[in-house]
């Protein structure tokens, strides 16, 4: 197969890579602000204000990556878009309702009269929970090949719970980085509990994935294919040990390295995502459609690539700008 000379080959591969990167960035960035929302029941009112201030400048830009990923799926792989959205229509609808509820609650909780603030705090938590659970359910159904059986739905429910705990863990590491004193110490405790939920979730998905198909099983356990995958669990184990070691010794001296748990958690998500990408490639719909079968015509993909080469750097640029301008500890949340 001529990977570089045939546009029908390299263009689908490029768009699959762009879509995968967009999903990964979304999971990490919106994952931490969803996780902050999931931690709301464990914080008091003043702490909730500080936690909102920690994600306030970023959450809108974070969600842009989801829009980009779905947009790329629609225009580059329309057949896959139809198959995935048809199978997951209900959880997608729940996710969208959760995202809307989060956005409304985010704005109203600060401006509402004091007696109503608790209502909007609860709405923010509920929206975060709906979004994370629906995304986890979709992940589980995707791994199971988008076929609805009681066993597959049960696995998807388990994945939904573990992904929500994983989001709360990376959210806790973000709070560690963006806050200090008592709230930071509290976030360290949240992270110590959440890390094991994330490990169990990655473990459950890892146990189930090779049994989805004989093709994936061979990729995992045949020689020399297994050598390509072997660094991922080794590095993941090292990261988990390092994370636990850091959390037991926090806060660090003068808080200089409070960003390290978030960085290590991000790397753990990257490794988990890389394992999934390795397992399912070249399928965009597991065991049904490859990226080459689902792709639009090369002429269309080339035009879309020109637009993507403008849009993607723009999104990346203002994301980096936002994180640069609002670096450092979160300050008091003000709207005046």
C-alpha atoms as a PDB file:
ATOM      1  CA  UNK A   1       0.000   0.000   0.000  1.00  0.00           C
ATOM      2  CA  UNK A   2       1.449   3.344  -1.079  1.00  0.00           C
ATOM      3  CA  UNK A   3       0.987   5.404   2.094  1.00  0.00           C
ATOM      4  CA  UNK A   4       2.453   8.634   0.757  1.00  0.00           C
ATOM      5  CA  UNK A   5       1.562   8.606  -2.926  1.00  0.00           C
ATOM      6  CA  UNK A   6      -2.110   7.673  -2.729  1.00  0.00           C
ATOM      7  CA  UNK A   7      -4.409  10.378  -1.252  1.00  0.00           C
ATOM      8  CA  UNK A   8      -7.079   7.718  -0.624  1.00  0.00           C
ATOM      9  CA  UNK A   9      -4.668   6.200   1.886  1.00  0.00           C
ATOM     10  CA  UNK A  10      -2.804   9.046   3.575  1.00  0.00           C
ATOM     11  CA  UNK A  11      -5.693  11.524   3.827  1.00  0.00           C
ATOM     12  CA  UNK A  12      -7.944   9.191   5.917  1.00  0.00           C
ATOM     13  CA  UNK A  13      -4.925   8.396   8.093  1.00  0.00           C
ATOM     14  CA  UNK A  14      -4.204  12.106   8.644  1.00  0.00           C
ATOM     15  CA  UNK A  15      -7.824  12.859   9.534  1.00  0.00           C
ATOM     16  CA  UNK A  16      -8.001   9.880  11.877  1.00  0.00           C
ATOM     17  CA  UNK A  17      -4.901  11.272  13.615  1.00  0.00           C
ATOM     18  CA  UNK A  18      -6.359  14.776  13.846  1.00  0.00           C
ATOM     19  CA  UNK A  19      -9.638  13.437  15.208  1.00  0.00           C
ATOM     20  CA  UNK A  20      -7.798  11.276  17.734  1.00  0.00           C
ATOM     21  CA  UNK A  21      -5.673  14.207  18.923  1.00  0.00           C
ATOM     22  CA  UNK A  22      -8.798  16.375  19.280  1.00  0.00           C
ATOM     23  CA  UNK A  23     -10.558  13.712  21.356  1.00  0.00           C
ATOM     24  CA  UNK A  24      -7.487  13.214  23.548  1.00  0.00           C
ATOM     25  CA  UNK A  25      -7.078  16.952  24.199  1.00  0.00           C
ATOM     26  CA  UNK A  26     -10.791  17.212  24.987  1.00  0.00           C
ATOM     27  CA  UNK A  27     -10.698  14.278  27.414  1.00  0.00           C
ATOM     28  CA  UNK A  28      -7.773  15.801  29.318  1.00  0.00           C
ATOM     29  CA  UNK A  29      -8.868  19.446  29.314  1.00  0.00           C
ATOM     30  CA  UNK A  30     -12.628  19.132  29.678  1.00  0.00           C
ATOM     31  CA  UNK A  31     -12.003  16.066  31.826  1.00  0.00           C
ATOM     32  CA  UNK A  32     -10.436  18.150  34.570  1.00  0.00           C
ATOM     33  CA  UNK A  33     -13.186  20.790  34.600  1.00  0.00           C
ATOM     34  CA  UNK A  34     -15.861  18.069  34.564  1.00  0.00           C
ATOM     35  CA  UNK A  35     -13.943  16.508  37.430  1.00  0.00           C
ATOM     36  CA  UNK A  36     -14.025  19.771  39.374  1.00  0.00           C
ATOM     37  CA  UNK A  37     -17.814  19.774  39.014  1.00  0.00           C
ATOM     38  CA  UNK A  38     -17.992  16.163  40.236  1.00  0.00           C
ATOM     39  CA  UNK A  39     -16.074  17.162  43.384  1.00  0.00           C
ATOM     40  CA  UNK A  40     -18.571  19.884  44.332  1.00  0.00           C
ATOM     41  CA  UNK A  41     -20.439  17.805  46.962  1.00  0.00           C
ATOM     42  CA  UNK A  42     -17.199  17.436  48.945  1.00  0.00           C
ATOM     43  CA  UNK A  43     -16.472  21.188  49.146  1.00  0.00           C
ATOM     44  CA  UNK A  44     -18.014  24.007  51.162  1.00  0.00           C
ATOM     45  CA  UNK A  45     -19.386  27.197  49.579  1.00  0.00           C
ATOM     46  CA  UNK A  46     -16.153  29.197  49.696  1.00  0.00           C
ATOM     47  CA  UNK A  47     -14.197  26.260  48.293  1.00  0.00           C
ATOM     48  CA  UNK A  48     -16.699  25.881  45.457  1.00  0.00           C
ATOM     49  CA  UNK A  49     -16.114  29.514  44.486  1.00  0.00           C
ATOM     50  CA  UNK A  50     -12.368  28.929  44.433  1.00  0.00           C
ATOM     51  CA  UNK A  51     -12.797  25.740  42.378  1.00  0.00           C
ATOM     52  CA  UNK A  52     -14.974  27.567  39.845  1.00  0.00           C
ATOM     53  CA  UNK A  53     -12.338  30.301  39.628  1.00  0.00           C
ATOM     54  CA  UNK A  54      -9.763  27.580  38.870  1.00  0.00           C
ATOM     55  CA  UNK A  55     -11.630  26.516  35.707  1.00  0.00           C
ATOM     56  CA  UNK A  56     -13.438  29.750  34.814  1.00  0.00           C
ATOM     57  CA  UNK A  57     -11.033  31.064  32.150  1.00  0.00           C
ATOM     58  CA  UNK A  58     -10.652  27.672  30.454  1.00  0.00           C
ATOM     59  CA  UNK A  59     -13.846  25.626  30.303  1.00  0.00           C
ATOM     60  CA  UNK A  60     -15.310  27.265  27.175  1.00  0.00           C
ATOM     61  CA  UNK A  61     -12.095  26.707  25.211  1.00  0.00           C
ATOM     62  CA  UNK A  62     -11.875  23.139  26.517  1.00  0.00           C
ATOM     63  CA  UNK A  63     -15.244  22.209  25.038  1.00  0.00           C
ATOM     64  CA  UNK A  64     -14.194  23.532  21.618  1.00  0.00           C
ATOM     65  CA  UNK A  65     -12.092  20.385  21.165  1.00  0.00           C
ATOM     66  CA  UNK A  66     -15.217  18.230  21.380  1.00  0.00           C
ATOM     67  CA  UNK A  67     -16.867  20.317  18.663  1.00  0.00           C
ATOM     68  CA  UNK A  68     -13.761  19.936  16.493  1.00  0.00           C
ATOM     69  CA  UNK A  69     -13.607  16.154  17.002  1.00  0.00           C
ATOM     70  CA  UNK A  70     -17.286  15.636  16.147  1.00  0.00           C
ATOM     71  CA  UNK A  71     -16.962  18.005  13.187  1.00  0.00           C
ATOM     72  CA  UNK A  72     -14.002  16.044  11.819  1.00  0.00           C
ATOM     73  CA  UNK A  73     -15.910  12.798  12.268  1.00  0.00           C
ATOM     74  CA  UNK A  74     -18.881  14.217  10.360  1.00  0.00           C
ATOM     75  CA  UNK A  75     -17.024  15.675   7.388  1.00  0.00           C
ATOM     76  CA  UNK A  76     -14.170  13.168   7.085  1.00  0.00           C
ATOM     77  CA  UNK A  77     -15.929   9.922   8.035  1.00  0.00           C
ATOM     78  CA  UNK A  78     -19.659  10.487   7.404  1.00  0.00           C
ATOM     79  CA  UNK A  79     -20.517   6.768   7.306  1.00  0.00           C
ATOM     80  CA  UNK A  80     -18.894   6.273  10.719  1.00  0.00           C
ATOM     81  CA  UNK A  81     -20.615   9.395  12.063  1.00  0.00           C
ATOM     82  CA  UNK A  82     -23.983   7.957  11.071  1.00  0.00           C
ATOM     83  CA  UNK A  83     -23.260   4.540  12.573  1.00  0.00           C
ATOM     84  CA  UNK A  84     -21.892   5.882  15.863  1.00  0.00           C
ATOM     85  CA  UNK A  85     -24.569   8.539  16.404  1.00  0.00           C
ATOM     86  CA  UNK A  86     -27.354   6.098  15.496  1.00  0.00           C
ATOM     87  CA  UNK A  87     -26.146   3.577  18.063  1.00  0.00           C
ATOM     88  CA  UNK A  88     -25.467   6.186  20.768  1.00  0.00           C
ATOM     89  CA  UNK A  89     -28.292   8.661  20.219  1.00  0.00           C
ATOM     90  CA  UNK A  90     -29.636   8.511  23.800  1.00  0.00           C
ATOM     91  CA  UNK A  91     -26.322   8.947  25.683  1.00  0.00           C
ATOM     92  CA  UNK A  92     -25.331  11.716  23.251  1.00  0.00           C
ATOM     93  CA  UNK A  93     -28.600  13.532  24.028  1.00  0.00           C
ATOM     94  CA  UNK A  94     -27.978  13.147  27.772  1.00  0.00           C
ATOM     95  CA  UNK A  95     -24.435  14.483  27.335  1.00  0.00           C
ATOM     96  CA  UNK A  96     -25.678  17.557  25.487  1.00  0.00           C
ATOM     97  CA  UNK A  97     -28.280  18.248  28.185  1.00  0.00           C
ATOM     98  CA  UNK A  98     -25.554  17.921  30.813  1.00  0.00           C
ATOM     99  CA  UNK A  99     -23.262  20.330  28.965  1.00  0.00           C
ATOM    100  CA  UNK A 100     -26.086  22.874  28.623  1.00  0.00           C
ATOM    101  CA  UNK A 101     -26.959  22.530  32.311  1.00  0.00           C
ATOM    102  CA  UNK A 102     -23.300  23.045  33.274  1.00  0.00           C
ATOM    103  CA  UNK A 103     -23.015  26.180  31.128  1.00  0.00           C
ATOM    104  CA  UNK A 104     -26.187  27.731  32.525  1.00  0.00           C
ATOM    105  CA  UNK A 105     -25.327  26.841  36.117  1.00  0.00           C
ATOM    106  CA  UNK A 106     -21.784  28.197  35.717  1.00  0.00           C
ATOM    107  CA  UNK A 107     -23.085  31.663  34.930  1.00  0.00           C
ATOM    108  CA  UNK A 108     -26.155  31.734  37.181  1.00  0.00           C
ATOM    109  CA  UNK A 109     -24.519  30.436  40.369  1.00  0.00           C
ATOM    110  CA  UNK A 110     -22.438  33.624  40.709  1.00  0.00           C
ATOM    111  CA  UNK A 111     -25.202  36.083  39.794  1.00  0.00           C
ATOM    112  CA  UNK A 112     -28.134  34.412  41.590  1.00  0.00           C
ATOM    113  CA  UNK A 113     -29.301  35.650  45.025  1.00  0.00           C
ATOM    114  CA  UNK A 114     -27.651  33.854  47.929  1.00  0.00           C
ATOM    115  CA  UNK A 115     -30.701  31.649  48.757  1.00  0.00           C
ATOM    116  CA  UNK A 116     -30.667  30.278  45.182  1.00  0.00           C
ATOM    117  CA  UNK A 117     -26.935  29.671  44.916  1.00  0.00           C
ATOM    118  CA  UNK A 118     -27.210  26.140  46.326  1.00  0.00           C
ATOM    119  CA  UNK A 119     -29.651  25.255  43.533  1.00  0.00           C
ATOM    120  CA  UNK A 120     -27.177  26.282  40.833  1.00  0.00           C
ATOM    121  CA  UNK A 121     -24.300  24.520  42.597  1.00  0.00           C
ATOM    122  CA  UNK A 122     -26.397  21.357  42.527  1.00  0.00           C
ATOM    123  CA  UNK A 123     -27.205  21.947  38.857  1.00  0.00           C
ATOM    124  CA  UNK A 124     -23.504  22.341  38.061  1.00  0.00           C
ATOM    125  CA  UNK A 125     -22.748  19.038  39.773  1.00  0.00           C
ATOM    126  CA  UNK A 126     -25.701  17.317  38.056  1.00  0.00           C
ATOM    127  CA  UNK A 127     -24.605  18.585  34.626  1.00  0.00           C
ATOM    128  CA  UNK A 128     -21.044  17.412  35.251  1.00  0.00           C
ATOM    129  CA  UNK A 129     -22.289  13.994  36.388  1.00  0.00           C
ATOM    130  CA  UNK A 130     -24.630  13.579  33.414  1.00  0.00           C
ATOM    131  CA  UNK A 131     -21.868  14.517  30.978  1.00  0.00           C
ATOM    132  CA  UNK A 132     -19.194  12.270  32.459  1.00  0.00           C
ATOM    133  CA  UNK A 133     -21.499   9.265  32.887  1.00  0.00           C
ATOM    134  CA  UNK A 134     -22.832   9.551  29.337  1.00  0.00           C
ATOM    135  CA  UNK A 135     -19.304   9.840  27.912  1.00  0.00           C
ATOM    136  CA  UNK A 136     -18.211   6.798  29.887  1.00  0.00           C
ATOM    137  CA  UNK A 137     -21.249   4.852  28.713  1.00  0.00           C
ATOM    138  CA  UNK A 138     -20.489   5.776  25.095  1.00  0.00           C
ATOM    139  CA  UNK A 139     -16.882   4.666  25.546  1.00  0.00           C
ATOM    140  CA  UNK A 140     -17.999   1.306  26.897  1.00  0.00           C
ATOM    141  CA  UNK A 141     -20.473   0.740  24.067  1.00  0.00           C
ATOM    142  CA  UNK A 142     -17.847   1.774  21.512  1.00  0.00           C
ATOM    143  CA  UNK A 143     -15.372  -0.768  22.892  1.00  0.00           C
ATOM    144  CA  UNK A 144     -18.075  -3.434  22.720  1.00  0.00           C
ATOM    145  CA  UNK A 145     -18.657  -2.687  19.027  1.00  0.00           C
ATOM    146  CA  UNK A 146     -21.796  -0.495  19.378  1.00  0.00           C
ATOM    147  CA  UNK A 147     -24.023  -3.565  19.719  1.00  0.00           C
ATOM    148  CA  UNK A 148     -26.729  -3.394  22.385  1.00  0.00           C
ATOM    149  CA  UNK A 149     -26.885  -6.454  24.635  1.00  0.00           C
ATOM    150  CA  UNK A 150     -27.404  -6.673  28.383  1.00  0.00           C
ATOM    151  CA  UNK A 151     -23.773  -7.686  28.877  1.00  0.00           C
ATOM    152  CA  UNK A 152     -22.477  -4.829  26.721  1.00  0.00           C
ATOM    153  CA  UNK A 153     -24.751  -2.312  28.444  1.00  0.00           C
ATOM    154  CA  UNK A 154     -23.567  -3.572  31.835  1.00  0.00           C
ATOM    155  CA  UNK A 155     -19.949  -3.099  30.802  1.00  0.00           C
ATOM    156  CA  UNK A 156     -20.815   0.400  29.533  1.00  0.00           C
ATOM    157  CA  UNK A 157     -22.372   1.287  32.904  1.00  0.00           C
ATOM    158  CA  UNK A 158     -19.196   0.097  34.645  1.00  0.00           C
ATOM    159  CA  UNK A 159     -17.085   2.177  32.244  1.00  0.00           C
ATOM    160  CA  UNK A 160     -19.315   5.196  32.904  1.00  0.00           C
ATOM    161  CA  UNK A 161     -18.659   4.949  36.645  1.00  0.00           C
ATOM    162  CA  UNK A 162     -14.912   4.490  36.235  1.00  0.00           C
ATOM    163  CA  UNK A 163     -14.568   7.341  33.733  1.00  0.00           C
ATOM    164  CA  UNK A 164     -16.408   9.655  36.131  1.00  0.00           C
ATOM    165  CA  UNK A 165     -14.007   8.697  38.915  1.00  0.00           C
ATOM    166  CA  UNK A 166     -11.118   9.243  36.480  1.00  0.00           C
ATOM    167  CA  UNK A 167     -12.422  12.712  35.674  1.00  0.00           C
ATOM    168  CA  UNK A 168     -12.737  13.505  39.366  1.00  0.00           C
ATOM    169  CA  UNK A 169      -9.126  12.391  39.844  1.00  0.00           C
ATOM    170  CA  UNK A 170      -7.676  14.626  37.137  1.00  0.00           C
ATOM    171  CA  UNK A 171      -9.966  17.404  38.404  1.00  0.00           C
ATOM    172  CA  UNK A 172      -8.469  16.980  41.871  1.00  0.00           C
ATOM    173  CA  UNK A 173      -4.937  17.233  40.452  1.00  0.00           C
ATOM    174  CA  UNK A 174      -5.942  20.469  38.715  1.00  0.00           C
ATOM    175  CA  UNK A 175      -7.280  21.871  42.007  1.00  0.00           C
ATOM    176  CA  UNK A 176      -3.972  20.885  43.628  1.00  0.00           C
ATOM    177  CA  UNK A 177      -2.149  22.937  41.022  1.00  0.00           C
ATOM    178  CA  UNK A 178      -4.444  25.985  41.031  1.00  0.00           C
ATOM    179  CA  UNK A 179      -5.113  26.384  44.767  1.00  0.00           C
ATOM    180  CA  UNK A 180      -3.196  26.360  48.036  1.00  0.00           C
ATOM    181  CA  UNK A 181      -3.491  25.875  51.792  1.00  0.00           C
ATOM    182  CA  UNK A 182      -6.508  23.938  53.110  1.00  0.00           C
ATOM    183  CA  UNK A 183      -8.282  23.432  49.769  1.00  0.00           C
ATOM    184  CA  UNK A 184      -5.101  22.113  48.184  1.00  0.00           C
ATOM    185  CA  UNK A 185      -4.628  19.616  51.018  1.00  0.00           C
ATOM    186  CA  UNK A 186      -8.247  18.595  50.637  1.00  0.00           C
ATOM    187  CA  UNK A 187      -7.727  18.054  46.898  1.00  0.00           C
ATOM    188  CA  UNK A 188      -4.738  15.826  47.673  1.00  0.00           C
ATOM    189  CA  UNK A 189      -7.092  13.606  49.670  1.00  0.00           C
ATOM    190  CA  UNK A 190      -9.584  13.529  46.782  1.00  0.00           C
ATOM    191  CA  UNK A 191      -6.811  12.554  44.378  1.00  0.00           C
ATOM    192  CA  UNK A 192      -5.596   9.758  46.665  1.00  0.00           C
ATOM    193  CA  UNK A 193      -9.031   8.168  46.468  1.00  0.00           C
ATOM    194  CA  UNK A 194      -9.673   8.892  42.811  1.00  0.00           C
ATOM    195  CA  UNK A 195      -6.431   7.424  41.481  1.00  0.00           C
ATOM    196  CA  UNK A 196      -7.537   3.899  42.348  1.00  0.00           C
ATOM    197  CA  UNK A 197     -10.824   4.342  40.510  1.00  0.00           C
ATOM    198  CA  UNK A 198      -8.869   5.443  37.452  1.00  0.00           C
ATOM    199  CA  UNK A 199      -6.542   2.438  37.748  1.00  0.00           C
ATOM    200  CA  UNK A 200      -9.515   0.064  38.063  1.00  0.00           C
ATOM    201  CA  UNK A 201     -11.173   1.688  35.048  1.00  0.00           C
ATOM    202  CA  UNK A 202      -8.073   1.361  32.874  1.00  0.00           C
ATOM    203  CA  UNK A 203      -7.707  -2.217  34.093  1.00  0.00           C
ATOM    204  CA  UNK A 204     -11.321  -3.119  33.274  1.00  0.00           C
ATOM    205  CA  UNK A 205     -11.076  -1.655  29.771  1.00  0.00           C
ATOM    206  CA  UNK A 206      -7.716  -3.367  29.234  1.00  0.00           C
ATOM    207  CA  UNK A 207      -9.168  -6.739  30.259  1.00  0.00           C
ATOM    208  CA  UNK A 208     -12.189  -6.383  27.983  1.00  0.00           C
ATOM    209  CA  UNK A 209     -10.557  -4.918  24.867  1.00  0.00           C
ATOM    210  CA  UNK A 210      -8.589  -7.976  23.619  1.00  0.00           C
ATOM    211  CA  UNK A 211     -11.724 -10.115  23.789  1.00  0.00           C
ATOM    212  CA  UNK A 212     -13.763  -7.810  21.542  1.00  0.00           C
ATOM    213  CA  UNK A 213     -12.324  -9.535  18.476  1.00  0.00           C
ATOM    214  CA  UNK A 214      -9.732 -12.119  17.484  1.00  0.00           C
ATOM    215  CA  UNK A 215      -7.912  -9.384  15.552  1.00  0.00           C
ATOM    216  CA  UNK A 216      -7.360  -7.276  18.688  1.00  0.00           C
ATOM    217  CA  UNK A 217      -6.426 -10.389  20.689  1.00  0.00           C
ATOM    218  CA  UNK A 218      -3.707 -11.190  18.160  1.00  0.00           C
ATOM    219  CA  UNK A 219      -2.442  -7.598  18.308  1.00  0.00           C
ATOM    220  CA  UNK A 220      -2.070  -7.889  22.068  1.00  0.00           C
ATOM    221  CA  UNK A 221      -0.673 -11.389  22.464  1.00  0.00           C
ATOM    222  CA  UNK A 222       1.023 -12.375  19.188  1.00  0.00           C
ATOM    223  CA  UNK A 223       4.745 -11.933  18.613  1.00  0.00           C
ATOM    224  CA  UNK A 224       6.150  -9.465  17.556  1.00  0.00           C
ATOM    225  CA  UNK A 225       2.953  -7.309  17.696  1.00  0.00           C
ATOM    226  CA  UNK A 226       2.845  -7.511  21.486  1.00  0.00           C
ATOM    227  CA  UNK A 227       6.235  -5.785  21.649  1.00  0.00           C
ATOM    228  CA  UNK A 228       4.695  -2.590  20.251  1.00  0.00           C
ATOM    229  CA  UNK A 229       2.131  -2.508  23.064  1.00  0.00           C
ATOM    230  CA  UNK A 230       4.331  -3.658  25.951  1.00  0.00           C
ATOM    231  CA  UNK A 231       5.822  -0.222  26.822  1.00  0.00           C
ATOM    232  CA  UNK A 232       2.343   1.186  27.577  1.00  0.00           C
ATOM    233  CA  UNK A 233       1.440  -0.914  30.659  1.00  0.00           C
ATOM    234  CA  UNK A 234       5.018  -0.623  31.977  1.00  0.00           C
ATOM    235  CA  UNK A 235       5.014   3.171  31.700  1.00  0.00           C
ATOM    236  CA  UNK A 236       1.477   3.331  33.129  1.00  0.00           C
ATOM    237  CA  UNK A 237       2.535   1.336  36.180  1.00  0.00           C
ATOM    238  CA  UNK A 238       5.531   3.628  36.722  1.00  0.00           C
ATOM    239  CA  UNK A 239       3.274   6.702  36.455  1.00  0.00           C
ATOM    240  CA  UNK A 240       0.776   5.321  38.986  1.00  0.00           C
ATOM    241  CA  UNK A 241       3.581   4.609  41.479  1.00  0.00           C
ATOM    242  CA  UNK A 242       5.045   8.087  40.901  1.00  0.00           C
ATOM    243  CA  UNK A 243       1.648   9.731  41.327  1.00  0.00           C
ATOM    244  CA  UNK A 244       0.995   7.901  44.591  1.00  0.00           C
ATOM    245  CA  UNK A 245       4.474   8.813  45.845  1.00  0.00           C
ATOM    246  CA  UNK A 246       3.890  12.503  45.033  1.00  0.00           C
ATOM    247  CA  UNK A 247       0.432  12.623  46.600  1.00  0.00           C
ATOM    248  CA  UNK A 248       1.764  11.140  49.845  1.00  0.00           C
ATOM    249  CA  UNK A 249       4.391  13.888  50.043  1.00  0.00           C
ATOM    250  CA  UNK A 250       2.324  16.923  49.119  1.00  0.00           C
ATOM    251  CA  UNK A 251       2.256  19.857  49.457  1.00  0.00           C
ATOM    252  CA  UNK A 252       5.761  20.271  48.088  1.00  0.00           C
ATOM    253  CA  UNK A 253       8.154  22.846  49.469  1.00  0.00           C
ATOM    254  CA  UNK A 254       6.860  26.337  48.603  1.00  0.00           C
ATOM    255  CA  UNK A 255       4.395  24.676  46.215  1.00  0.00           C
ATOM    256  CA  UNK A 256       6.870  24.858  43.333  1.00  0.00           C
ATOM    257  CA  UNK A 257       5.917  21.521  41.816  1.00  0.00           C
ATOM    258  CA  UNK A 258       2.175  21.466  42.363  1.00  0.00           C
ATOM    259  CA  UNK A 259       1.734  21.012  38.593  1.00  0.00           C
ATOM    260  CA  UNK A 260       3.452  17.616  38.577  1.00  0.00           C
ATOM    261  CA  UNK A 261       0.439  15.470  39.633  1.00  0.00           C
ATOM    262  CA  UNK A 262      -1.661  17.008  36.849  1.00  0.00           C
ATOM    263  CA  UNK A 263       1.142  16.446  34.324  1.00  0.00           C
ATOM    264  CA  UNK A 264       1.541  12.812  35.413  1.00  0.00           C
ATOM    265  CA  UNK A 265      -2.233  12.256  35.309  1.00  0.00           C
ATOM    266  CA  UNK A 266      -2.298  13.696  31.798  1.00  0.00           C
ATOM    267  CA  UNK A 267       0.432  11.286  30.700  1.00  0.00           C
ATOM    268  CA  UNK A 268      -1.580   8.405  32.152  1.00  0.00           C
ATOM    269  CA  UNK A 269      -4.575   9.424  30.018  1.00  0.00           C
ATOM    270  CA  UNK A 270      -2.303   9.716  26.969  1.00  0.00           C
ATOM    271  CA  UNK A 271      -0.976   6.185  27.462  1.00  0.00           C
ATOM    272  CA  UNK A 272      -4.476   4.767  27.922  1.00  0.00           C
ATOM    273  CA  UNK A 273      -5.643   6.525  24.763  1.00  0.00           C
ATOM    274  CA  UNK A 274      -2.594   5.269  22.838  1.00  0.00           C
ATOM    275  CA  UNK A 275      -3.446   1.708  23.849  1.00  0.00           C
ATOM    276  CA  UNK A 276      -6.984   2.086  22.529  1.00  0.00           C
ATOM    277  CA  UNK A 277      -5.785   3.672  19.283  1.00  0.00           C
ATOM    278  CA  UNK A 278      -3.297   0.836  18.748  1.00  0.00           C
ATOM    279  CA  UNK A 279      -5.950  -1.787  19.471  1.00  0.00           C
ATOM    280  CA  UNK A 280      -8.708  -0.497  17.197  1.00  0.00           C
ATOM    281  CA  UNK A 281      -6.693   0.860  14.247  1.00  0.00           C
ATOM    282  CA  UNK A 282      -7.585   0.847  11.351  1.00  0.00           C
ATOM    283  CA  UNK A 283     -11.258   0.618  12.407  1.00  0.00           C
ATOM    284  CA  UNK A 284     -13.204   3.782  13.176  1.00  0.00           C
ATOM    285  CA  UNK A 285     -16.325   1.710  13.972  1.00  0.00           C
ATOM    286  CA  UNK A 286     -14.989  -1.375  15.781  1.00  0.00           C
ATOM    287  CA  UNK A 287     -14.917  -4.401  13.482  1.00  0.00           C
ATOM    288  CA  UNK A 288     -17.383  -2.749  11.077  1.00  0.00           C
ATOM    289  CA  UNK A 289     -15.816   0.189   9.217  1.00  0.00           C
ATOM    290  CA  UNK A 290     -12.162   1.054   8.682  1.00  0.00           C
ATOM    291  CA  UNK A 291     -11.038   4.661   8.299  1.00  0.00           C
ATOM    292  CA  UNK A 292     -10.495   3.954   4.605  1.00  0.00           C
ATOM    293  CA  UNK A 293     -13.989   2.528   4.064  1.00  0.00           C
ATOM    294  CA  UNK A 294     -15.710   5.326   6.009  1.00  0.00           C
ATOM    295  CA  UNK A 295     -13.703   8.228   4.584  1.00  0.00           C
ATOM    296  CA  UNK A 296     -15.092  10.885   2.260  1.00  0.00           C
ATOM    297  CA  UNK A 297     -13.722  11.172  -1.285  1.00  0.00           C
ATOM    298  CA  UNK A 298     -10.048  12.237  -1.436  1.00  0.00           C
ATOM    299  CA  UNK A 299     -11.021  15.449  -3.239  1.00  0.00           C
ATOM    300  CA  UNK A 300     -13.356  16.391  -0.387  1.00  0.00           C
ATOM    301  CA  UNK A 301     -10.800  15.448   2.251  1.00  0.00           C
ATOM    302  CA  UNK A 302      -8.158  17.611   0.621  1.00  0.00           C
ATOM    303  CA  UNK A 303     -10.447  20.668   0.704  1.00  0.00           C
ATOM    304  CA  UNK A 304     -11.370  19.921   4.314  1.00  0.00           C
ATOM    305  CA  UNK A 305      -7.679  19.591   5.166  1.00  0.00           C
ATOM    306  CA  UNK A 306      -7.059  23.150   3.959  1.00  0.00           C
ATOM    307  CA  UNK A 307      -9.783  24.437   6.296  1.00  0.00           C
ATOM    308  CA  UNK A 308      -8.540  22.269   9.169  1.00  0.00           C
ATOM    309  CA  UNK A 309      -5.001  23.619   8.729  1.00  0.00           C
ATOM    310  CA  UNK A 310      -6.436  27.066   9.536  1.00  0.00           C
ATOM    311  CA  UNK A 311      -8.974  26.152  12.232  1.00  0.00           C
ATOM    312  CA  UNK A 312      -6.799  23.751  14.243  1.00  0.00           C
ATOM    313  CA  UNK A 313      -3.864  26.157  14.829  1.00  0.00           C
ATOM    314  CA  UNK A 314      -6.371  28.871  15.745  1.00  0.00           C
ATOM    315  CA  UNK A 315      -8.011  26.710  18.399  1.00  0.00           C
ATOM    316  CA  UNK A 316      -4.635  25.526  19.649  1.00  0.00           C
ATOM    317  CA  UNK A 317      -3.344  29.116  19.722  1.00  0.00           C
ATOM    318  CA  UNK A 318      -6.124  30.609  21.842  1.00  0.00           C
ATOM    319  CA  UNK A 319      -6.076  27.553  24.126  1.00  0.00           C
ATOM    320  CA  UNK A 320      -2.366  28.054  24.794  1.00  0.00           C
ATOM    321  CA  UNK A 321      -2.940  31.802  25.181  1.00  0.00           C
ATOM    322  CA  UNK A 322      -5.674  31.278  27.783  1.00  0.00           C
ATOM    323  CA  UNK A 323      -3.530  28.905  29.831  1.00  0.00           C
ATOM    324  CA  UNK A 324      -0.582  31.285  29.591  1.00  0.00           C
ATOM    325  CA  UNK A 325      -2.470  34.419  30.619  1.00  0.00           C
ATOM    326  CA  UNK A 326      -4.275  32.734  33.515  1.00  0.00           C
ATOM    327  CA  UNK A 327      -1.344  30.684  34.789  1.00  0.00           C
ATOM    328  CA  UNK A 328      -0.655  30.582  38.495  1.00  0.00           C
ATOM    329  CA  UNK A 329      -3.053  30.189  41.393  1.00  0.00           C
ATOM    330  CA  UNK A 330      -6.764  30.883  41.031  1.00  0.00           C
ATOM    331  CA  UNK A 331      -7.839  34.164  42.569  1.00  0.00           C
ATOM    332  CA  UNK A 332     -11.163  35.312  43.967  1.00  0.00           C
ATOM    333  CA  UNK A 333     -14.020  34.840  41.505  1.00  0.00           C
ATOM    334  CA  UNK A 334     -15.410  38.269  40.523  1.00  0.00           C
ATOM    335  CA  UNK A 335     -17.816  39.455  37.818  1.00  0.00           C
ATOM    336  CA  UNK A 336     -17.528  43.203  38.361  1.00  0.00           C
END
